[in-house]
Amino acid sequence: MKKRIQILQVTKIGFAFVVLGGALLVLASPFLSEQLFANVWGVEPLTYVGVVLFVLGLAGISASYAFMDMLNEPQYSSGEENKSDSDWTTITGQYFDLFDHDLGRPLRRILGKQREVRENLKGSQDTKISDDVLDLMDEIERQAPNFRLMLANIRILVQLESPSEKVEFQPVEPVQIVQKIVDRYMHVAHDSKKQISWWADPSEFGLVYSDSSAIEHIVTNLVDNAMRFCTSEIEVRITKNPTHFFIRIWDDGGGIPSQYMQHLFDRGWTPEATRREEKISSGLGLFIARTLARKYGGDLTAESLTEPNDDHHTAFLLSLPLAGD
């Protein structure tokens, strides 16, 4: 781009000299003609040549400016578009923060009242709880984390699309993040008659330098998936080596067929798409999780063993550097 602009600038200077030469030739033609030509008709060729050079020079300069504008316009437009994209991303993120806050409060109250009603019904000896009421309360309990995660996924996706989104590292306690997520899903696991457990090695894990919100979002997506597809048990394990730390989310579900594994992290892909069935999820969770992991210098991988193997399971492994680069 710079080389083209330099060539055009040199071209403009050249055409300027052509214009100047043509103008001088027209002005000098009455005097030069007497020296060069034997009759008055000799004035005409010099005048014509001068006029032609003058016009060609002006046309060349005009064309040079036009091409210069064409080269500069995309740069200017691109800058404006980047600025507009950045502003749009910021505003959209702020809107989702407001939505998350405004929707989160009534959601928390609904969950609190639902648990209160459940406990009151359990404690009542005179009231028989119908299966429909229990199913309704269980559904509320299950869908609440999904609703929160849906909002969070959209907000993170908007941030990832921003060209100006920066990577920032901070001291983080990953064990505390894992514990908070597991505690959050304890009620869902209990009501679904499933078990979720976690452990860290070493127990005194210490600090790492990463992004707490990114880690929380990745692990939440993985735990949420495991909760939906496991048979009865989920295990979250956090370990480390001299350079990286690892969070492994394992479940005893039926497993993921091998033909699906290569598309598991594709944006918007779900197994239902291959069968032309209605999607049961957006297909964004795993895509966002791996994109975030790679953005912070790590990766997210999966391995699975399907039924009828006795050891059928699915495991996701998040790896991130101990010290952000």
Protein backbone atom coordinates (compact mmCIF):
# COMPACT_ATOMS: atom_id res chain seq x y z
CA MET A 1 0.00 0.00 0.00
CA LYS A 2 2.76 2.48 0.94
CA LYS A 3 4.71 1.61 -2.21
CA ARG A 4 1.67 2.32 -4.39
CA ILE A 5 1.15 5.69 -2.73
CA GLN A 6 4.82 6.60 -3.28
CA ILE A 7 4.54 5.66 -6.97
CA LEU A 8 1.44 7.83 -7.35
CA GLN A 9 3.18 10.76 -5.69
CA VAL A 10 6.12 10.48 -8.10
CA THR A 11 3.65 10.19 -10.99
CA LYS A 12 1.89 13.37 -9.89
CA ILE A 13 5.20 15.24 -9.86
CA GLY A 14 5.98 13.95 -13.35
CA PHE A 15 2.62 15.07 -14.70
CA ALA A 16 3.12 18.45 -13.04
CA PHE A 17 6.31 18.90 -15.06
CA VAL A 18 4.37 17.90 -18.20
CA VAL A 19 1.77 20.58 -17.45
CA LEU A 20 4.50 23.14 -16.83
CA GLY A 21 6.32 22.18 -20.04
CA GLY A 22 3.10 22.39 -22.06
CA ALA A 23 2.26 25.81 -20.66
CA LEU A 24 5.80 27.13 -21.35
CA LEU A 25 5.67 25.70 -24.88
CA VAL A 26 2.37 27.47 -25.63
CA LEU A 27 3.71 30.76 -24.27
CA ALA A 28 7.03 30.50 -26.10
CA SER A 29 5.66 29.24 -29.40
CA PRO A 30 5.37 32.75 -31.05
CA PHE A 31 9.07 33.37 -30.39
CA LEU A 32 10.44 29.90 -31.06
CA SER A 33 8.51 29.47 -34.28
CA GLU A 34 10.44 32.24 -36.01
CA GLN A 35 13.69 30.45 -35.20
CA LEU A 36 12.49 26.96 -36.10
CA PHE A 37 10.07 27.36 -38.97
CA ALA A 38 10.22 29.29 -42.21
CA ASN A 39 6.57 30.42 -42.28
CA VAL A 40 3.81 31.40 -39.92
CA TRP A 41 2.24 27.94 -40.05
CA GLY A 42 5.16 26.81 -37.99
CA VAL A 43 3.57 28.40 -34.93
CA GLU A 44 0.69 25.91 -35.03
CA PRO A 45 2.62 22.67 -34.28
CA LEU A 46 4.31 24.10 -31.18
CA THR A 47 1.03 25.50 -29.89
CA TYR A 48 -0.77 22.23 -30.47
CA VAL A 49 1.97 20.22 -28.83
CA GLY A 50 1.99 22.59 -25.85
CA VAL A 51 -1.79 22.42 -25.48
CA VAL A 52 -1.78 18.61 -25.74
CA LEU A 53 0.99 18.33 -23.11
CA PHE A 54 -0.89 20.76 -20.82
CA VAL A 55 -4.13 18.80 -21.09
CA LEU A 56 -2.43 15.43 -20.67
CA GLY A 57 -0.56 16.70 -17.62
CA LEU A 58 -3.75 17.96 -15.98
CA ALA A 59 -5.52 14.70 -16.78
CA GLY A 60 -2.63 12.72 -15.30
CA ILE A 61 -2.64 14.77 -12.11
CA SER A 62 -6.41 14.38 -11.77
CA ALA A 63 -6.14 10.63 -12.30
CA SER A 64 -3.36 10.44 -9.71
CA TYR A 65 -5.52 12.20 -7.12
CA ALA A 66 -8.44 9.92 -7.95
CA PHE A 67 -6.32 6.79 -7.45
CA MET A 68 -4.88 8.26 -4.25
CA ASP A 69 -8.40 8.74 -2.90
CA MET A 70 -9.27 5.16 -3.85
CA LEU A 71 -6.25 3.85 -1.96
CA ASN A 72 -6.83 6.02 1.06
CA GLU A 73 -10.56 5.43 1.27
CA PRO A 74 -10.38 1.75 2.31
CA GLN A 75 -7.88 2.63 5.03
CA TYR A 76 -10.09 5.38 6.31
CA SER A 77 -13.20 3.24 5.98
CA SER A 78 -11.52 0.29 7.66
CA GLY A 79 -10.49 2.48 10.56
CA GLU A 80 -13.98 3.83 10.91
CA GLU A 81 -15.42 0.32 10.70
CA ASN A 82 -13.01 -0.94 13.37
CA LYS A 83 -13.92 1.98 15.58
CA SER A 84 -17.60 1.36 14.92
CA ASP A 85 -17.21 -2.37 15.65
CA SER A 86 -15.37 -1.60 18.87
CA ASP A 87 -18.03 0.90 19.96
CA TRP A 88 -20.80 -1.54 19.05
CA THR A 89 -19.10 -4.34 21.00
CA THR A 90 -18.71 -2.14 24.06
CA ILE A 91 -22.32 -0.97 23.97
CA THR A 92 -23.63 -4.50 23.36
CA GLY A 93 -21.54 -5.83 26.25
CA GLN A 94 -22.94 -3.14 28.53
CA TYR A 95 -26.48 -4.04 27.50
CA PHE A 96 -25.88 -7.71 28.28
CA ASP A 97 -24.41 -6.79 31.66
CA LEU A 98 -27.63 -4.89 32.39
CA PHE A 99 -29.79 -7.77 31.15
CA ASP A 100 -27.80 -10.24 33.22
CA HIS A 101 -28.20 -8.09 36.32
CA ASP A 102 -31.88 -7.25 35.79
CA LEU A 103 -32.85 -10.80 34.86
CA GLY A 104 -30.59 -12.36 37.47
CA ARG A 105 -32.37 -10.83 40.46
CA PRO A 106 -35.87 -12.20 39.68
CA LEU A 107 -34.30 -15.49 38.65
CA ARG A 108 -32.57 -15.80 42.02
CA ARG A 109 -35.84 -14.98 43.79
CA ILE A 110 -37.72 -17.60 41.76
CA LEU A 111 -35.10 -20.21 42.63
CA GLY A 112 -35.17 -19.22 46.29
CA LYS A 113 -38.95 -19.47 46.46
CA GLN A 114 -38.90 -22.76 44.56
CA ARG A 115 -36.51 -24.28 47.09
CA GLU A 116 -38.54 -22.84 49.94
CA VAL A 117 -41.74 -24.39 48.58
CA ARG A 118 -39.93 -27.69 48.05
CA GLU A 119 -38.71 -27.79 51.65
CA ASN A 120 -42.14 -26.81 53.01
CA LEU A 121 -43.81 -29.53 51.00
CA LYS A 122 -41.29 -32.10 52.12
CA GLY A 123 -41.82 -31.11 55.73
CA SER A 124 -45.58 -31.29 55.50
CA GLN A 125 -47.04 -34.61 56.65
CA ASP A 126 -50.60 -33.79 55.56
CA THR A 127 -49.89 -32.73 51.99
CA LYS A 128 -49.14 -35.25 49.27
CA ILE A 129 -46.84 -33.81 46.62
CA SER A 130 -47.94 -34.70 43.11
CA ASP A 131 -45.36 -35.89 40.61
CA ASP A 132 -46.28 -33.03 38.27
CA VAL A 133 -45.39 -30.44 40.92
CA LEU A 134 -42.06 -32.14 41.64
CA ASP A 135 -41.28 -32.33 37.92
CA LEU A 136 -42.07 -28.63 37.56
CA MET A 137 -39.77 -27.66 40.42
CA ASP A 138 -37.04 -29.92 39.06
CA GLU A 139 -37.36 -28.29 35.65
CA ILE A 140 -37.03 -24.81 37.18
CA GLU A 141 -33.92 -25.95 39.01
CA ARG A 142 -32.39 -27.43 35.86
CA GLN A 143 -33.17 -24.55 33.52
CA ALA A 144 -31.91 -21.74 35.76
CA PRO A 145 -28.17 -22.45 35.18
CA ASN A 146 -28.88 -22.94 31.46
CA PHE A 147 -30.49 -19.51 31.32
CA ARG A 148 -27.55 -17.86 33.04
CA LEU A 149 -25.12 -19.69 30.77
CA MET A 150 -27.02 -18.67 27.65
CA LEU A 151 -26.69 -14.98 28.55
CA ALA A 152 -23.03 -15.40 29.41
CA ASN A 153 -22.32 -17.23 26.13
CA ILE A 154 -23.85 -14.45 24.07
CA ARG A 155 -21.89 -11.79 25.94
CA ILE A 156 -18.59 -13.68 25.58
CA LEU A 157 -19.27 -14.33 21.89
CA VAL A 158 -19.74 -10.60 21.30
CA GLN A 159 -16.45 -9.89 23.06
CA LEU A 160 -14.61 -12.53 21.02
CA GLU A 161 -15.85 -10.95 17.79
CA SER A 162 -14.38 -7.58 18.76
CA PRO A 163 -11.11 -6.78 16.91
CA SER A 164 -9.98 -4.60 19.81
CA GLU A 165 -10.55 -7.17 22.56
CA LYS A 166 -7.35 -7.39 24.63
CA VAL A 167 -5.93 -10.33 26.57
CA GLU A 168 -5.22 -9.41 30.19
CA PHE A 169 -3.63 -11.70 32.77
CA GLN A 170 -4.18 -11.45 36.50
CA PRO A 171 -3.48 -13.56 39.60
CA VAL A 172 -6.14 -16.26 39.86
CA GLU A 173 -6.97 -19.08 42.29
CA PRO A 174 -8.34 -21.80 39.96
CA VAL A 175 -9.26 -24.09 42.85
CA GLN A 176 -11.67 -21.46 44.21
CA ILE A 177 -13.23 -21.06 40.77
CA VAL A 178 -13.76 -24.81 40.40
CA GLN A 179 -15.24 -25.09 43.89
CA LYS A 180 -17.67 -22.25 43.22
CA ILE A 181 -18.89 -23.85 39.99
CA VAL A 182 -19.32 -27.28 41.59
CA ASP A 183 -21.25 -25.74 44.49
CA ARG A 184 -23.49 -23.96 42.01
CA TYR A 185 -24.44 -27.27 40.36
CA MET A 186 -24.87 -29.24 43.58
CA HIS A 187 -28.62 -28.53 43.75
CA VAL A 188 -29.10 -29.52 40.11
CA ALA A 189 -27.16 -32.75 40.63
CA HIS A 190 -29.06 -33.60 43.81
CA ASP A 191 -32.46 -33.02 42.25
CA SER A 192 -31.45 -35.05 39.19
CA LYS A 193 -30.21 -37.89 41.42
CA LYS A 194 -26.67 -37.42 40.15
CA GLN A 195 -23.36 -36.86 41.91
CA ILE A 196 -20.77 -34.20 41.22
CA SER A 197 -17.40 -34.14 42.98
CA TRP A 198 -14.06 -32.39 42.60
CA TRP A 199 -10.51 -32.57 43.90
CA ALA A 200 -7.20 -30.78 43.41
CA ASP A 201 -3.64 -32.09 43.33
CA PRO A 202 -1.84 -30.55 45.09
CA SER A 203 -4.46 -29.38 47.56
CA GLU A 204 -2.47 -26.17 48.15
CA PHE A 205 -2.60 -25.21 44.50
CA GLY A 206 -1.53 -21.57 44.76
CA LEU A 207 -1.94 -18.78 42.21
CA VAL A 208 -1.77 -18.86 38.45
CA TYR A 209 -1.75 -15.93 36.02
CA SER A 210 -4.68 -16.08 33.67
CA ASP A 211 -8.23 -14.69 33.48
CA SER A 212 -10.70 -15.75 36.16
CA SER A 213 -13.83 -14.96 34.13
CA ALA A 214 -12.52 -16.95 31.15
CA ILE A 215 -11.71 -19.98 33.31
CA GLU A 216 -15.08 -19.80 35.03
CA HIS A 217 -16.91 -19.53 31.71
CA ILE A 218 -15.05 -22.47 30.14
CA VAL A 219 -15.50 -24.79 33.13
CA THR A 220 -19.15 -23.78 33.56
CA ASN A 221 -19.89 -24.74 29.95
CA LEU A 222 -18.16 -28.10 30.42
CA VAL A 223 -19.86 -28.90 33.73
CA ASP A 224 -23.23 -27.90 32.29
CA ASN A 225 -22.71 -30.27 29.35
CA ALA A 226 -21.64 -33.08 31.69
CA MET A 227 -24.70 -32.52 33.88
CA ARG A 228 -27.00 -32.93 30.89
CA PHE A 229 -25.36 -36.00 29.39
CA CYS A 230 -23.97 -37.96 32.33
CA THR A 231 -25.65 -41.10 33.63
CA SER A 232 -25.06 -40.55 37.33
CA GLU A 233 -21.59 -39.14 38.06
CA ILE A 234 -19.40 -36.13 37.24
CA GLU A 235 -15.86 -35.59 38.42
CA VAL A 236 -13.86 -32.35 38.15
CA ARG A 237 -10.13 -32.65 38.71
CA ILE A 238 -7.49 -29.89 38.75
CA THR A 239 -3.78 -30.65 38.49
CA LYS A 240 -0.61 -28.98 37.26
CA ASN A 241 2.93 -29.51 36.01
CA PRO A 242 5.87 -27.04 36.00
CA THR A 243 4.44 -24.99 33.11
CA HIS A 244 0.66 -25.59 32.88
CA PHE A 245 -2.38 -26.35 34.98
CA PHE A 246 -5.19 -28.67 33.89
CA ILE A 247 -8.89 -28.91 34.64
CA ARG A 248 -10.47 -32.22 33.62
CA ILE A 249 -14.25 -32.67 33.54
CA TRP A 250 -15.26 -36.34 33.34
CA ASP A 251 -18.75 -37.85 33.18
CA ASP A 252 -20.09 -41.39 32.91
CA GLY A 253 -22.50 -40.66 30.06
CA GLY A 254 -23.03 -42.78 26.98
CA GLY A 255 -20.11 -41.17 25.20
CA ILE A 256 -19.70 -39.25 21.94
CA PRO A 257 -19.62 -41.26 18.67
CA SER A 258 -16.26 -41.05 16.91
CA GLN A 259 -17.76 -39.48 13.77
CA TYR A 260 -18.90 -36.51 15.86
CA MET A 261 -15.58 -35.83 17.58
CA GLN A 262 -14.02 -33.89 14.69
CA HIS A 263 -16.94 -31.44 14.67
CA LEU A 264 -17.36 -31.14 18.43
CA PHE A 265 -15.85 -27.65 18.65
CA ASP A 266 -17.31 -26.29 15.41
CA ARG A 267 -19.27 -23.10 15.80
CA GLY A 268 -23.00 -23.79 16.01
CA TRP A 269 -22.64 -27.54 15.40
CA THR A 270 -24.75 -30.09 17.31
CA PRO A 271 -25.39 -33.80 16.60
CA GLU A 272 -28.98 -32.94 15.71
CA ALA A 273 -27.70 -31.04 12.66
CA THR A 274 -26.53 -34.29 11.06
CA ARG A 275 -29.98 -35.82 11.51
CA ARG A 276 -31.85 -32.67 10.44
CA GLU A 277 -33.58 -32.54 13.81
CA GLU A 278 -34.40 -29.56 15.99
CA LYS A 279 -31.38 -28.40 18.00
CA ILE A 280 -31.53 -28.85 21.75
CA SER A 281 -28.75 -26.28 22.21
CA SER A 282 -27.14 -23.43 20.27
CA GLY A 283 -23.92 -25.35 19.65
CA LEU A 284 -21.89 -22.35 20.83
CA GLY A 285 -20.75 -23.51 24.29
CA LEU A 286 -17.85 -25.75 23.25
CA PHE A 287 -16.83 -23.41 20.43
CA ILE A 288 -16.62 -20.49 22.86
CA ALA A 289 -14.84 -22.61 25.48
CA ARG A 290 -12.05 -23.72 23.14
CA THR A 291 -11.74 -20.24 21.58
CA LEU A 292 -11.27 -18.74 25.05
CA ALA A 293 -8.74 -21.42 26.02
CA ARG A 294 -6.63 -20.76 22.94
CA LYS A 295 -6.94 -17.02 23.38
CA TYR A 296 -5.19 -17.35 26.75
CA GLY A 297 -2.42 -19.57 25.45
CA GLY A 298 -3.98 -22.94 26.25
CA ASP A 299 -6.22 -25.51 24.60
CA LEU A 300 -9.32 -27.62 25.14
CA THR A 301 -9.45 -31.24 24.01
CA ALA A 302 -11.92 -34.11 24.37
CA GLU A 303 -11.81 -37.90 24.50
CA SER A 304 -14.70 -40.32 24.76
CA LEU A 305 -15.62 -43.99 24.91
CA THR A 306 -19.12 -44.97 23.86
CA GLU A 307 -21.55 -47.63 24.94
CA PRO A 308 -21.74 -50.63 25.08
CA ASN A 309 -18.24 -50.41 26.59
CA ASP A 310 -18.40 -50.77 30.36
CA ASP A 311 -16.09 -47.79 30.76
CA HIS A 312 -18.18 -45.47 28.58
CA HIS A 313 -17.49 -41.82 29.41
CA THR A 314 -16.61 -38.38 28.07
CA ALA A 315 -13.75 -36.22 29.36
CA PHE A 316 -12.75 -32.67 28.47
CA LEU A 317 -9.28 -31.42 29.35
CA LEU A 318 -8.61 -27.69 29.70
CA SER A 319 -4.93 -26.75 29.73
CA LEU A 320 -3.65 -23.25 30.45
CA PRO A 321 -0.18 -21.86 31.21
CA LEU A 322 0.65 -21.15 34.85
CA ALA A 323 2.07 -17.76 33.87
CA GLY A 324 0.33 -15.75 31.16
CA ASP A 325 2.57 -14.69 28.26
